[in-house]
């Protein structure tokens, strides 16, 4: 059975182009489309689909609001953001909204298909450029950033790789997602997480969050 796709974008020409590309795959079928989020929400109980492809900037309801509302109705729905926006604020907002994938509109047909198949299987998918932006955003020391910040005791040494992993952990990613994001093995992530917990003297996520509130960082 083909993976059923629903597309939301305010540019009909772009939707038509996506449909032409996806029509070349026997594994994927476009079963619905909309030029605004409200129609997609109205179709949730009318059209059966597995993966939602949505833009962010659209008239009326943006992609973030659409994703939150759609997932509230159908928690198992898979959502991929397909956008021109490369700012961390947009990407982070969509991740927090619950999307499982984020690819850029300049992507090729091969990556688009890979994103759909990956997300449908239950894993996350981010374009390489998007991965770089996420890692940089979560690791930024910019005080104006909206993501949670952390510091560690002066007598604790955290390596740059551990910093990346710790930032991703406290921003809600699990070990599998971190492994995908950093392109390292799941085992490597778990080893780093054990080392981090040992250095900070914690054993749970809640203890980790409590430990990082008022500490000062030092790198090896």
N, C-alpha and C. Protein backbone atom coordinates (compact mmCIF):
# COMPACT_ATOMS: atom_id res chain seq x y z
N UNK A 1 0.85 -1.20 0.00
CA UNK A 1 0.00 0.00 0.00
C UNK A 1 0.88 1.24 0.00
N UNK A 2 0.55 2.20 -0.85
CA UNK A 2 1.35 3.41 -0.98
C UNK A 2 1.19 4.31 0.25
N UNK A 3 2.23 5.09 0.54
CA UNK A 3 2.17 6.08 1.61
C UNK A 3 1.32 7.25 1.13
N UNK A 4 0.30 7.58 1.88
CA UNK A 4 -0.65 8.62 1.47
C UNK A 4 -0.19 10.00 1.97
N UNK A 5 -0.09 10.93 1.04
CA UNK A 5 0.46 12.27 1.33
C UNK A 5 -0.60 13.34 1.17
N UNK A 6 -0.56 14.31 2.09
CA UNK A 6 -1.41 15.51 1.98
C UNK A 6 -0.46 16.70 1.97
N UNK A 7 -0.66 17.63 1.02
CA UNK A 7 0.23 18.77 0.85
C UNK A 7 -0.49 20.07 1.17
N UNK A 8 0.16 20.92 1.99
CA UNK A 8 -0.39 22.25 2.28
C UNK A 8 0.65 23.31 1.91
N UNK A 9 0.30 24.17 0.97
CA UNK A 9 1.18 25.26 0.56
C UNK A 9 0.31 26.31 -0.12
N UNK A 10 0.62 27.56 0.11
CA UNK A 10 -0.22 28.62 -0.47
C UNK A 10 0.10 28.91 -1.93
N UNK A 11 1.08 28.22 -2.48
CA UNK A 11 1.40 28.39 -3.89
C UNK A 11 1.00 27.13 -4.65
N UNK A 12 -0.04 27.24 -5.46
CA UNK A 12 -0.57 26.07 -6.18
C UNK A 12 0.46 25.50 -7.15
N UNK A 13 1.25 26.37 -7.75
CA UNK A 13 2.26 25.90 -8.69
C UNK A 13 3.26 24.99 -7.99
N UNK A 14 3.60 25.32 -6.75
CA UNK A 14 4.53 24.48 -5.99
C UNK A 14 3.89 23.14 -5.68
N UNK A 15 2.62 23.14 -5.29
CA UNK A 15 1.90 21.88 -5.03
C UNK A 15 1.89 21.02 -6.29
N UNK A 16 1.58 21.63 -7.42
CA UNK A 16 1.54 20.88 -8.68
C UNK A 16 2.89 20.26 -9.00
N UNK A 17 3.96 21.01 -8.71
CA UNK A 17 5.29 20.48 -8.94
C UNK A 17 5.60 19.30 -8.05
N UNK A 18 5.22 19.39 -6.77
CA UNK A 18 5.42 18.27 -5.85
C UNK A 18 4.65 17.04 -6.29
N UNK A 19 3.43 17.25 -6.72
CA UNK A 19 2.60 16.12 -7.16
C UNK A 19 3.23 15.42 -8.36
N UNK A 20 3.80 16.20 -9.26
CA UNK A 20 4.45 15.61 -10.44
C UNK A 20 5.66 14.78 -10.04
N UNK A 21 6.43 15.31 -9.08
CA UNK A 21 7.61 14.58 -8.61
C UNK A 21 7.22 13.29 -7.89
N UNK A 22 6.25 13.40 -6.98
CA UNK A 22 5.84 12.24 -6.18
C UNK A 22 5.11 11.19 -7.01
N UNK A 23 4.51 11.61 -8.12
CA UNK A 23 3.79 10.67 -8.99
C UNK A 23 4.74 9.66 -9.63
N UNK A 24 6.04 9.97 -9.63
CA UNK A 24 7.02 9.07 -10.23
C UNK A 24 7.36 7.89 -9.31
N UNK A 25 6.87 7.93 -8.07
CA UNK A 25 7.14 6.86 -7.12
C UNK A 25 5.91 6.00 -6.89
N UNK A 26 6.08 4.69 -7.00
CA UNK A 26 4.98 3.77 -6.75
C UNK A 26 4.68 3.64 -5.25
N UNK A 27 5.63 4.10 -4.42
CA UNK A 27 5.49 3.96 -2.97
C UNK A 27 4.72 5.10 -2.33
N UNK A 28 4.46 6.14 -3.12
CA UNK A 28 3.86 7.36 -2.57
C UNK A 28 2.67 7.79 -3.42
N UNK A 29 1.61 8.23 -2.73
CA UNK A 29 0.41 8.70 -3.43
C UNK A 29 -0.10 9.98 -2.76
N UNK A 30 -0.28 11.03 -3.54
CA UNK A 30 -0.85 12.27 -3.03
C UNK A 30 -2.37 12.14 -3.04
N UNK A 31 -2.98 12.24 -1.85
CA UNK A 31 -4.43 12.02 -1.75
C UNK A 31 -5.19 13.30 -1.41
N UNK A 32 -4.46 14.39 -1.12
CA UNK A 32 -5.14 15.63 -0.79
C UNK A 32 -4.21 16.82 -0.83
N UNK A 33 -4.81 17.99 -0.94
CA UNK A 33 -4.02 19.22 -1.00
C UNK A 33 -4.84 20.39 -0.50
N UNK A 34 -4.15 21.44 -0.06
CA UNK A 34 -4.83 22.65 0.40
C UNK A 34 -3.90 23.83 0.26
N UNK A 35 -4.48 25.01 0.06
CA UNK A 35 -3.69 26.24 -0.03
C UNK A 35 -3.64 26.99 1.28
N UNK A 36 -4.32 26.46 2.30
CA UNK A 36 -4.27 27.07 3.63
C UNK A 36 -4.57 26.01 4.69
N UNK A 37 -4.14 26.29 5.92
CA UNK A 37 -4.23 25.30 6.98
C UNK A 37 -5.64 24.92 7.37
N UNK A 38 -6.57 25.85 7.30
CA UNK A 38 -7.94 25.56 7.74
C UNK A 38 -8.56 24.43 6.92
N UNK A 39 -8.33 24.44 5.61
CA UNK A 39 -8.89 23.38 4.77
C UNK A 39 -8.29 22.03 5.14
N UNK A 40 -7.00 22.02 5.45
CA UNK A 40 -6.36 20.77 5.87
C UNK A 40 -7.02 20.24 7.14
N UNK A 41 -7.26 21.11 8.10
CA UNK A 41 -7.91 20.68 9.34
C UNK A 41 -9.31 20.13 9.06
N UNK A 42 -10.02 20.76 8.14
CA UNK A 42 -11.35 20.29 7.78
C UNK A 42 -11.29 18.92 7.11
N UNK A 43 -10.19 18.65 6.42
CA UNK A 43 -10.04 17.37 5.72
C UNK A 43 -9.51 16.24 6.60
N UNK A 44 -9.09 16.57 7.81
CA UNK A 44 -8.48 15.54 8.68
C UNK A 44 -9.37 14.33 8.87
N UNK A 45 -10.66 14.56 9.02
CA UNK A 45 -11.59 13.46 9.24
C UNK A 45 -12.33 13.05 7.97
N UNK A 46 -11.92 13.66 6.85
CA UNK A 46 -12.55 13.33 5.56
C UNK A 46 -11.60 12.55 4.65
N UNK A 47 -10.32 12.90 4.76
CA UNK A 47 -9.30 12.29 3.89
C UNK A 47 -8.32 11.50 4.76
N UNK A 48 -8.08 10.27 4.42
CA UNK A 48 -7.14 9.44 5.18
C UNK A 48 -5.75 9.58 4.58
N UNK A 49 -4.82 10.12 5.38
CA UNK A 49 -3.44 10.24 4.88
C UNK A 49 -2.45 9.96 6.00
N UNK A 50 -1.23 9.59 5.61
CA UNK A 50 -0.19 9.17 6.56
C UNK A 50 0.79 10.28 6.89
N UNK A 51 1.15 11.07 5.89
CA UNK A 51 2.17 12.10 6.06
C UNK A 51 1.66 13.44 5.54
N UNK A 52 1.84 14.47 6.35
CA UNK A 52 1.47 15.83 5.96
C UNK A 52 2.72 16.60 5.59
N UNK A 53 2.74 17.17 4.40
CA UNK A 53 3.82 18.06 3.97
C UNK A 53 3.29 19.48 4.07
N UNK A 54 3.91 20.32 4.88
CA UNK A 54 3.39 21.67 5.05
C UNK A 54 4.47 22.74 5.01
N UNK A 55 4.11 23.86 4.42
CA UNK A 55 4.95 25.05 4.46
C UNK A 55 4.76 25.70 5.83
N UNK A 56 5.53 26.76 6.12
CA UNK A 56 5.37 27.48 7.38
C UNK A 56 4.59 28.77 7.17
N UNK A 57 5.10 29.65 6.33
CA UNK A 57 4.48 30.96 6.12
C UNK A 57 3.33 30.84 5.13
N UNK A 58 2.11 30.95 5.65
CA UNK A 58 0.91 30.88 4.82
C UNK A 58 -0.12 31.86 5.36
N UNK A 59 -1.01 32.36 4.52
CA UNK A 59 -2.04 33.28 4.99
C UNK A 59 -2.95 32.63 6.04
N UNK A 60 -3.35 33.39 7.02
CA UNK A 60 -4.27 32.86 8.03
C UNK A 60 -3.57 32.03 9.07
N UNK A 61 -3.46 30.76 8.83
CA UNK A 61 -2.86 29.81 9.78
C UNK A 61 -1.49 29.39 9.28
N UNK A 62 -0.45 29.60 10.10
CA UNK A 62 0.88 29.19 9.66
C UNK A 62 1.12 27.69 9.92
N UNK A 63 2.24 27.20 9.45
CA UNK A 63 2.53 25.78 9.56
C UNK A 63 2.70 25.28 10.98
N UNK A 64 3.20 26.16 11.85
CA UNK A 64 3.37 25.76 13.25
C UNK A 64 2.01 25.51 13.90
N UNK A 65 1.09 26.44 13.73
CA UNK A 65 -0.24 26.28 14.32
C UNK A 65 -0.96 25.09 13.71
N UNK A 66 -0.85 24.93 12.41
CA UNK A 66 -1.47 23.79 11.73
C UNK A 66 -0.96 22.48 12.29
N UNK A 67 0.36 22.38 12.47
CA UNK A 67 0.96 21.15 12.98
C UNK A 67 0.45 20.82 14.38
N UNK A 68 0.40 21.81 15.24
CA UNK A 68 -0.08 21.59 16.61
C UNK A 68 -1.53 21.12 16.62
N UNK A 69 -2.37 21.79 15.84
CA UNK A 69 -3.79 21.46 15.81
C UNK A 69 -4.03 20.09 15.17
N UNK A 70 -3.29 19.80 14.10
CA UNK A 70 -3.45 18.51 13.42
C UNK A 70 -3.04 17.35 14.33
N UNK A 71 -1.95 17.53 15.06
CA UNK A 71 -1.48 16.48 15.96
C UNK A 71 -2.39 16.32 17.17
N UNK A 72 -3.07 17.38 17.54
CA UNK A 72 -4.03 17.28 18.65
C UNK A 72 -5.20 16.39 18.25
N UNK A 73 -5.54 16.42 16.96
CA UNK A 73 -6.63 15.58 16.46
C UNK A 73 -6.14 14.17 16.14
N UNK A 74 -4.96 14.10 15.50
CA UNK A 74 -4.39 12.80 15.10
C UNK A 74 -2.94 12.73 15.58
N UNK A 75 -2.72 12.29 16.81
CA UNK A 75 -1.37 12.25 17.40
C UNK A 75 -0.36 11.39 16.62
N UNK A 76 -0.84 10.41 15.87
CA UNK A 76 0.05 9.52 15.13
C UNK A 76 0.42 10.06 13.75
N UNK A 77 -0.13 11.20 13.39
CA UNK A 77 0.16 11.78 12.08
C UNK A 77 1.63 12.16 11.96
N UNK A 78 2.24 11.87 10.83
CA UNK A 78 3.63 12.26 10.57
C UNK A 78 3.62 13.57 9.78
N UNK A 79 4.46 14.51 10.21
CA UNK A 79 4.48 15.82 9.55
C UNK A 79 5.90 16.19 9.13
N UNK A 80 6.03 16.65 7.90
CA UNK A 80 7.31 17.14 7.38
C UNK A 80 7.14 18.61 6.98
N UNK A 81 8.01 19.46 7.49
CA UNK A 81 8.02 20.86 7.07
C UNK A 81 8.82 20.98 5.78
N UNK A 82 8.24 21.63 4.81
CA UNK A 82 8.93 21.88 3.54
C UNK A 82 8.91 23.38 3.34
N UNK A 83 10.05 24.03 3.64
CA UNK A 83 10.05 25.49 3.72
C UNK A 83 11.32 26.10 3.15
N UNK A 84 11.23 27.39 2.85
CA UNK A 84 12.40 28.14 2.41
C UNK A 84 13.15 28.72 3.61
N UNK A 85 12.52 28.71 4.79
CA UNK A 85 13.11 29.34 5.97
C UNK A 85 14.28 28.50 6.53
N UNK A 86 15.42 29.17 6.70
CA UNK A 86 16.60 28.51 7.25
C UNK A 86 17.02 29.09 8.60
N UNK A 87 16.17 29.91 9.20
CA UNK A 87 16.46 30.48 10.51
C UNK A 87 16.17 29.46 11.59
N UNK A 88 17.02 29.43 12.61
CA UNK A 88 16.84 28.48 13.70
C UNK A 88 15.50 28.66 14.40
N UNK A 89 15.05 29.91 14.51
CA UNK A 89 13.79 30.17 15.22
C UNK A 89 12.62 29.45 14.56
N UNK A 90 12.60 29.43 13.23
CA UNK A 90 11.53 28.73 12.51
C UNK A 90 11.65 27.22 12.71
N UNK A 91 12.87 26.71 12.56
CA UNK A 91 13.09 25.27 12.68
C UNK A 91 12.74 24.78 14.08
N UNK A 92 13.22 25.51 15.09
CA UNK A 92 12.97 25.13 16.47
C UNK A 92 11.48 25.17 16.79
N UNK A 93 10.78 26.17 16.26
CA UNK A 93 9.33 26.29 16.50
C UNK A 93 8.59 25.10 15.91
N UNK A 94 9.00 24.65 14.74
CA UNK A 94 8.32 23.51 14.11
C UNK A 94 8.63 22.21 14.84
N UNK A 95 9.87 22.07 15.31
CA UNK A 95 10.22 20.87 16.09
C UNK A 95 9.38 20.83 17.37
N UNK A 96 9.27 21.98 18.04
CA UNK A 96 8.46 22.04 19.26
C UNK A 96 6.98 21.78 18.97
N UNK A 97 6.55 22.09 17.75
CA UNK A 97 5.16 21.85 17.36
C UNK A 97 4.89 20.36 17.13
N UNK A 98 5.98 19.59 16.99
CA UNK A 98 5.82 18.15 16.87
C UNK A 98 6.14 17.53 15.52
N UNK A 99 6.68 18.33 14.58
CA UNK A 99 6.98 17.75 13.27
C UNK A 99 8.15 16.78 13.38
N UNK A 100 8.17 15.81 12.49
CA UNK A 100 9.23 14.81 12.50
C UNK A 100 10.29 15.04 11.43
N UNK A 101 10.05 16.00 10.55
CA UNK A 101 11.01 16.27 9.50
C UNK A 101 11.00 17.73 9.09
N UNK A 102 12.14 18.19 8.59
CA UNK A 102 12.26 19.57 8.11
C UNK A 102 13.24 19.57 6.94
N UNK A 103 12.73 19.86 5.75
CA UNK A 103 13.58 19.93 4.57
C UNK A 103 13.34 21.26 3.87
N UNK A 104 14.31 21.68 3.09
CA UNK A 104 14.24 22.98 2.44
C UNK A 104 13.62 22.85 1.05
N UNK A 105 13.04 23.94 0.58
CA UNK A 105 12.34 23.89 -0.70
C UNK A 105 13.27 23.76 -1.90
N UNK A 106 14.56 23.92 -1.68
CA UNK A 106 15.50 23.71 -2.78
C UNK A 106 16.00 22.27 -2.82
N UNK A 107 15.32 21.39 -2.08
CA UNK A 107 15.72 19.98 -2.05
C UNK A 107 15.44 19.31 -3.39
N UNK A 108 16.07 18.15 -3.59
CA UNK A 108 15.83 17.37 -4.79
C UNK A 108 14.80 16.29 -4.56
N UNK A 109 14.39 15.64 -5.65
CA UNK A 109 13.36 14.60 -5.57
C UNK A 109 13.83 13.43 -4.70
N UNK A 110 15.12 13.10 -4.77
CA UNK A 110 15.63 11.97 -4.00
C UNK A 110 15.53 12.23 -2.50
N UNK A 111 15.91 13.44 -2.06
CA UNK A 111 15.83 13.75 -0.64
C UNK A 111 14.39 13.85 -0.17
N UNK A 112 13.53 14.40 -1.01
CA UNK A 112 12.11 14.49 -0.66
C UNK A 112 11.54 13.10 -0.41
N UNK A 113 11.81 12.17 -1.29
CA UNK A 113 11.32 10.79 -1.13
C UNK A 113 11.93 10.16 0.12
N UNK A 114 13.23 10.38 0.33
CA UNK A 114 13.89 9.82 1.51
C UNK A 114 13.26 10.35 2.79
N UNK A 115 12.93 11.64 2.80
CA UNK A 115 12.30 12.24 3.98
C UNK A 115 10.96 11.60 4.26
N UNK A 116 10.17 11.40 3.24
CA UNK A 116 8.84 10.80 3.40
C UNK A 116 8.96 9.37 3.92
N UNK A 117 9.82 8.58 3.31
CA UNK A 117 9.98 7.18 3.72
C UNK A 117 10.52 7.08 5.15
N UNK A 118 11.46 7.96 5.49
CA UNK A 118 12.07 7.94 6.83
C UNK A 118 11.06 8.31 7.90
N UNK A 119 10.36 9.40 7.68
CA UNK A 119 9.38 9.87 8.66
C UNK A 119 8.22 8.88 8.79
N UNK A 120 7.80 8.32 7.68
CA UNK A 120 6.72 7.33 7.71
C UNK A 120 7.12 6.11 8.54
N UNK A 121 8.41 5.77 8.51
CA UNK A 121 8.90 4.61 9.26
C UNK A 121 8.99 4.89 10.76
N UNK A 122 8.86 6.15 11.15
CA UNK A 122 8.89 6.49 12.57
C UNK A 122 10.13 7.25 13.03
N UNK A 123 11.07 7.50 12.10
CA UNK A 123 12.29 8.23 12.45
C UNK A 123 12.17 9.69 12.00
N UNK A 124 13.09 10.51 12.47
CA UNK A 124 13.12 11.91 12.07
C UNK A 124 14.00 12.11 10.84
N UNK A 125 13.74 13.17 10.09
CA UNK A 125 14.56 13.46 8.92
C UNK A 125 14.75 14.97 8.81
N UNK A 126 16.03 15.38 8.74
CA UNK A 126 16.36 16.79 8.55
C UNK A 126 17.39 16.91 7.44
N UNK A 127 17.22 17.91 6.58
CA UNK A 127 18.24 18.18 5.57
C UNK A 127 19.57 18.46 6.26
N UNK A 128 20.67 18.21 5.55
CA UNK A 128 21.99 18.43 6.14
C UNK A 128 22.15 19.86 6.61
N UNK A 129 21.70 20.81 5.81
CA UNK A 129 21.79 22.22 6.20
C UNK A 129 20.97 22.48 7.45
N UNK A 130 19.81 21.86 7.54
CA UNK A 130 18.94 22.03 8.71
C UNK A 130 19.60 21.45 9.95
N UNK A 131 20.24 20.31 9.82
CA UNK A 131 20.97 19.71 10.94
C UNK A 131 22.02 20.68 11.48
N UNK A 132 22.76 21.29 10.57
CA UNK A 132 23.81 22.24 10.98
C UNK A 132 23.20 23.40 11.75
N UNK A 133 22.08 23.90 11.27
CA UNK A 133 21.43 25.05 11.92
C UNK A 133 20.93 24.66 13.31
N UNK A 134 20.36 23.45 13.43
CA UNK A 134 19.85 22.98 14.72
C UNK A 134 20.98 22.84 15.73
N UNK A 135 22.05 22.19 15.33
CA UNK A 135 23.19 21.98 16.23
C UNK A 135 23.79 23.31 16.66
N UNK A 136 23.95 24.22 15.70
CA UNK A 136 24.49 25.54 16.02
C UNK A 136 23.55 26.30 16.93
N UNK A 137 22.26 26.21 16.67
CA UNK A 137 21.27 26.92 17.48
C UNK A 137 21.21 26.42 18.90
N UNK A 138 21.24 25.10 19.09
CA UNK A 138 21.18 24.52 20.42
C UNK A 138 22.50 24.71 21.18
N UNK A 139 23.58 24.92 20.44
CA UNK A 139 24.88 25.06 21.09
C UNK A 139 25.29 26.53 21.27
N UNK A 140 24.47 27.43 20.75
CA UNK A 140 24.81 28.86 20.78
C UNK A 140 24.82 29.39 22.20
N UNK A 141 25.76 30.28 22.47
CA UNK A 141 25.83 30.96 23.76
C UNK A 141 25.15 32.33 23.70
N UNK A 142 24.45 32.59 22.61
CA UNK A 142 23.76 33.87 22.44
C UNK A 142 22.68 34.02 23.52
N UNK A 143 22.78 35.04 24.31
CA UNK A 143 21.86 35.23 25.42
C UNK A 143 20.43 35.50 24.97
N UNK A 144 20.26 35.92 23.69
CA UNK A 144 18.92 36.22 23.21
C UNK A 144 18.23 34.99 22.67
N UNK A 145 18.93 33.86 22.63
CA UNK A 145 18.33 32.65 22.11
C UNK A 145 17.19 32.20 23.01
N UNK A 146 16.15 31.62 22.40
CA UNK A 146 14.98 31.19 23.17
C UNK A 146 15.12 29.78 23.71
N UNK A 147 16.18 29.05 23.32
CA UNK A 147 16.31 27.67 23.78
C UNK A 147 16.91 27.66 25.19
N UNK A 148 16.62 26.60 25.95
CA UNK A 148 17.17 26.51 27.31
C UNK A 148 18.69 26.57 27.32
N UNK A 149 19.24 27.25 28.32
CA UNK A 149 20.69 27.37 28.47
C UNK A 149 21.16 26.58 29.68
N UNK A 150 22.42 26.23 29.70
CA UNK A 150 22.95 25.45 30.81
C UNK A 150 24.40 25.80 31.06
N UNK A 151 24.85 25.56 32.25
CA UNK A 151 26.24 25.74 32.63
C UNK A 151 26.60 24.59 33.55
N UNK A 152 27.89 24.32 33.75
CA UNK A 152 28.32 23.23 34.62
C UNK A 152 29.32 23.75 35.64
N UNK A 153 29.52 23.03 36.72
CA UNK A 153 30.43 23.51 37.77
C UNK A 153 31.84 23.77 37.26
N UNK A 154 32.55 24.71 37.93
CA UNK A 154 33.90 25.07 37.51
C UNK A 154 34.85 23.88 37.53
N UNK A 155 34.59 22.93 38.43
CA UNK A 155 35.50 21.79 38.54
C UNK A 155 35.10 20.62 37.64
N UNK A 156 34.11 20.84 36.79
CA UNK A 156 33.68 19.80 35.85
C UNK A 156 34.06 20.20 34.44
N UNK A 157 34.68 19.29 33.71
CA UNK A 157 35.11 19.57 32.34
C UNK A 157 34.16 18.86 31.37
N UNK A 158 33.52 19.64 30.49
CA UNK A 158 32.62 19.11 29.48
C UNK A 158 33.26 19.31 28.11
N UNK A 159 33.37 18.24 27.34
CA UNK A 159 33.98 18.34 26.02
C UNK A 159 33.00 18.99 25.04
N UNK A 160 33.49 19.52 23.91
CA UNK A 160 32.60 20.13 22.92
C UNK A 160 31.51 19.17 22.43
N UNK A 161 31.87 17.89 22.23
CA UNK A 161 30.87 16.92 21.77
C UNK A 161 29.82 16.67 22.85
N UNK A 162 30.26 16.63 24.10
CA UNK A 162 29.32 16.45 25.20
C UNK A 162 28.39 17.65 25.31
N UNK A 163 28.93 18.84 25.03
CA UNK A 163 28.10 20.04 25.06
C UNK A 163 26.98 19.96 24.03
N UNK A 164 27.33 19.52 22.82
CA UNK A 164 26.32 19.37 21.77
C UNK A 164 25.23 18.41 22.22
N UNK A 165 25.66 17.26 22.73
CA UNK A 165 24.71 16.23 23.14
C UNK A 165 23.85 16.71 24.30
N UNK A 166 24.48 17.36 25.28
CA UNK A 166 23.74 17.85 26.44
C UNK A 166 22.69 18.88 26.03
N UNK A 167 23.06 19.78 25.13
CA UNK A 167 22.10 20.77 24.67
C UNK A 167 20.92 20.12 23.95
N UNK A 168 21.19 19.10 23.16
CA UNK A 168 20.11 18.41 22.45
C UNK A 168 19.22 17.65 23.44
N UNK A 169 19.84 17.06 24.48
CA UNK A 169 19.08 16.33 25.49
C UNK A 169 18.12 17.25 26.22
N UNK A 170 18.62 18.40 26.68
CA UNK A 170 17.77 19.28 27.48
C UNK A 170 16.75 20.03 26.62
N UNK A 171 16.92 19.94 25.31
CA UNK A 171 15.91 20.51 24.42
C UNK A 171 14.95 19.44 23.90
N UNK A 172 14.94 18.28 24.55
CA UNK A 172 13.90 17.30 24.32
C UNK A 172 14.20 16.17 23.38
N UNK A 173 15.42 16.05 22.86
CA UNK A 173 15.72 14.96 21.94
C UNK A 173 16.17 13.71 22.68
N UNK A 174 15.75 12.54 22.18
CA UNK A 174 16.20 11.29 22.78
C UNK A 174 17.48 10.82 22.11
N UNK A 175 18.03 9.71 22.59
CA UNK A 175 19.33 9.25 22.10
C UNK A 175 19.30 8.88 20.62
N UNK A 176 18.22 8.27 20.17
CA UNK A 176 18.10 7.92 18.75
C UNK A 176 18.11 9.17 17.88
N UNK A 177 17.35 10.18 18.30
CA UNK A 177 17.27 11.42 17.53
C UNK A 177 18.61 12.15 17.52
N UNK A 178 19.31 12.11 18.64
CA UNK A 178 20.63 12.75 18.71
C UNK A 178 21.62 12.04 17.80
N UNK A 179 21.56 10.72 17.79
CA UNK A 179 22.45 9.95 16.93
C UNK A 179 22.22 10.30 15.46
N UNK A 180 20.96 10.44 15.09
CA UNK A 180 20.63 10.82 13.71
C UNK A 180 21.12 12.23 13.42
N UNK A 181 20.90 13.14 14.37
CA UNK A 181 21.26 14.54 14.17
C UNK A 181 22.77 14.71 14.00
N UNK A 182 23.55 14.05 14.86
CA UNK A 182 25.01 14.22 14.84
C UNK A 182 25.71 13.21 13.94
N UNK A 183 24.91 12.29 13.38
CA UNK A 183 25.45 11.25 12.49
C UNK A 183 26.52 10.42 13.19
N UNK A 184 26.19 9.98 14.40
CA UNK A 184 27.03 9.07 15.16
C UNK A 184 26.16 7.91 15.61
N UNK A 185 26.77 6.89 16.17
CA UNK A 185 25.99 5.71 16.56
C UNK A 185 25.21 5.96 17.85
N UNK A 186 24.14 5.19 18.00
CA UNK A 186 23.33 5.25 19.23
C UNK A 186 24.20 4.92 20.43
N UNK A 187 25.09 3.93 20.27
CA UNK A 187 25.97 3.52 21.36
C UNK A 187 26.87 4.68 21.80
N UNK A 188 27.40 5.42 20.84
CA UNK A 188 28.27 6.56 21.16
C UNK A 188 27.50 7.61 21.96
N UNK A 189 26.27 7.86 21.57
CA UNK A 189 25.45 8.83 22.30
C UNK A 189 25.22 8.38 23.73
N UNK A 190 24.87 7.12 23.91
CA UNK A 190 24.59 6.63 25.27
C UNK A 190 25.83 6.67 26.14
N UNK A 191 27.00 6.40 25.57
CA UNK A 191 28.25 6.49 26.33
C UNK A 191 28.49 7.92 26.78
N UNK A 192 28.31 8.87 25.86
CA UNK A 192 28.49 10.29 26.21
C UNK A 192 27.50 10.70 27.29
N UNK A 193 26.26 10.24 27.17
CA UNK A 193 25.24 10.62 28.16
C UNK A 193 25.58 10.06 29.54
N UNK A 194 26.10 8.85 29.57
CA UNK A 194 26.52 8.26 30.85
C UNK A 194 27.66 9.07 31.46
N UNK A 195 28.61 9.47 30.62
CA UNK A 195 29.74 10.27 31.09
C UNK A 195 29.27 11.62 31.63
N UNK A 196 28.34 12.24 30.91
CA UNK A 196 27.80 13.54 31.34
C UNK A 196 27.10 13.39 32.69
N UNK A 197 26.25 12.38 32.82
CA UNK A 197 25.52 12.15 34.07
C UNK A 197 26.48 11.91 35.22
N UNK A 198 27.55 11.15 34.94
CA UNK A 198 28.53 10.85 35.98
C UNK A 198 29.25 12.12 36.42
N UNK A 199 29.60 12.98 35.46
CA UNK A 199 30.30 14.22 35.78
C UNK A 199 29.44 15.17 36.62
N UNK A 200 28.13 15.16 36.31
CA UNK A 200 27.23 16.06 37.01
C UNK A 200 26.58 15.42 38.23
N UNK A 201 26.83 14.12 38.41
CA UNK A 201 26.28 13.43 39.56
C UNK A 201 24.77 13.26 39.51
N UNK A 202 24.23 13.00 38.32
CA UNK A 202 22.79 12.82 38.16
C UNK A 202 22.51 11.48 37.49
N UNK A 203 21.26 11.05 37.56
CA UNK A 203 20.90 9.78 36.93
C UNK A 203 19.60 9.86 36.15
N UNK A 204 18.86 10.96 36.27
CA UNK A 204 17.60 11.11 35.56
C UNK A 204 17.56 12.46 34.85
N UNK A 205 16.63 12.59 33.90
CA UNK A 205 16.47 13.85 33.17
C UNK A 205 16.10 14.99 34.11
N UNK A 206 15.20 14.73 35.04
CA UNK A 206 14.78 15.78 35.97
C UNK A 206 15.95 16.24 36.83
N UNK A 207 16.80 15.29 37.27
CA UNK A 207 17.98 15.65 38.05
C UNK A 207 18.95 16.45 37.19
N UNK A 208 19.05 16.10 35.92
CA UNK A 208 19.93 16.81 34.99
C UNK A 208 19.49 18.26 34.85
N UNK A 209 18.19 18.46 34.65
CA UNK A 209 17.67 19.82 34.50
C UNK A 209 17.91 20.63 35.78
N UNK A 210 17.75 19.98 36.91
CA UNK A 210 17.96 20.68 38.19
C UNK A 210 19.43 21.05 38.37
N UNK A 211 20.33 20.17 37.89
CA UNK A 211 21.76 20.38 38.09
C UNK A 211 22.34 21.47 37.23
N UNK A 212 21.69 21.76 36.09
CA UNK A 212 22.28 22.69 35.13
C UNK A 212 21.75 24.12 35.25
N UNK A 213 20.91 24.38 36.24
CA UNK A 213 20.27 25.69 36.33
C UNK A 213 21.24 26.82 36.63
N UNK A 214 22.11 26.63 37.61
CA UNK A 214 23.00 27.72 38.01
C UNK A 214 24.43 27.23 38.16
N UNK A 215 25.05 26.90 37.02
CA UNK A 215 26.41 26.39 37.04
C UNK A 215 27.23 27.08 35.96
N UNK A 216 28.51 26.96 36.03
CA UNK A 216 29.40 27.65 35.10
C UNK A 216 30.15 26.64 34.25
N UNK A 217 30.21 26.86 32.94
CA UNK A 217 30.79 25.88 32.02
C UNK A 217 32.30 26.07 31.84
N UNK A 218 32.99 24.95 31.63
CA UNK A 218 34.40 24.98 31.25
C UNK A 218 34.63 23.82 30.26
N UNK A 219 35.39 24.09 29.19
CA UNK A 219 35.62 23.07 28.17
C UNK A 219 37.01 22.46 28.32
N UNK A 220 37.11 21.18 27.86
CA UNK A 220 38.43 20.53 27.79
C UNK A 220 39.09 20.87 26.46
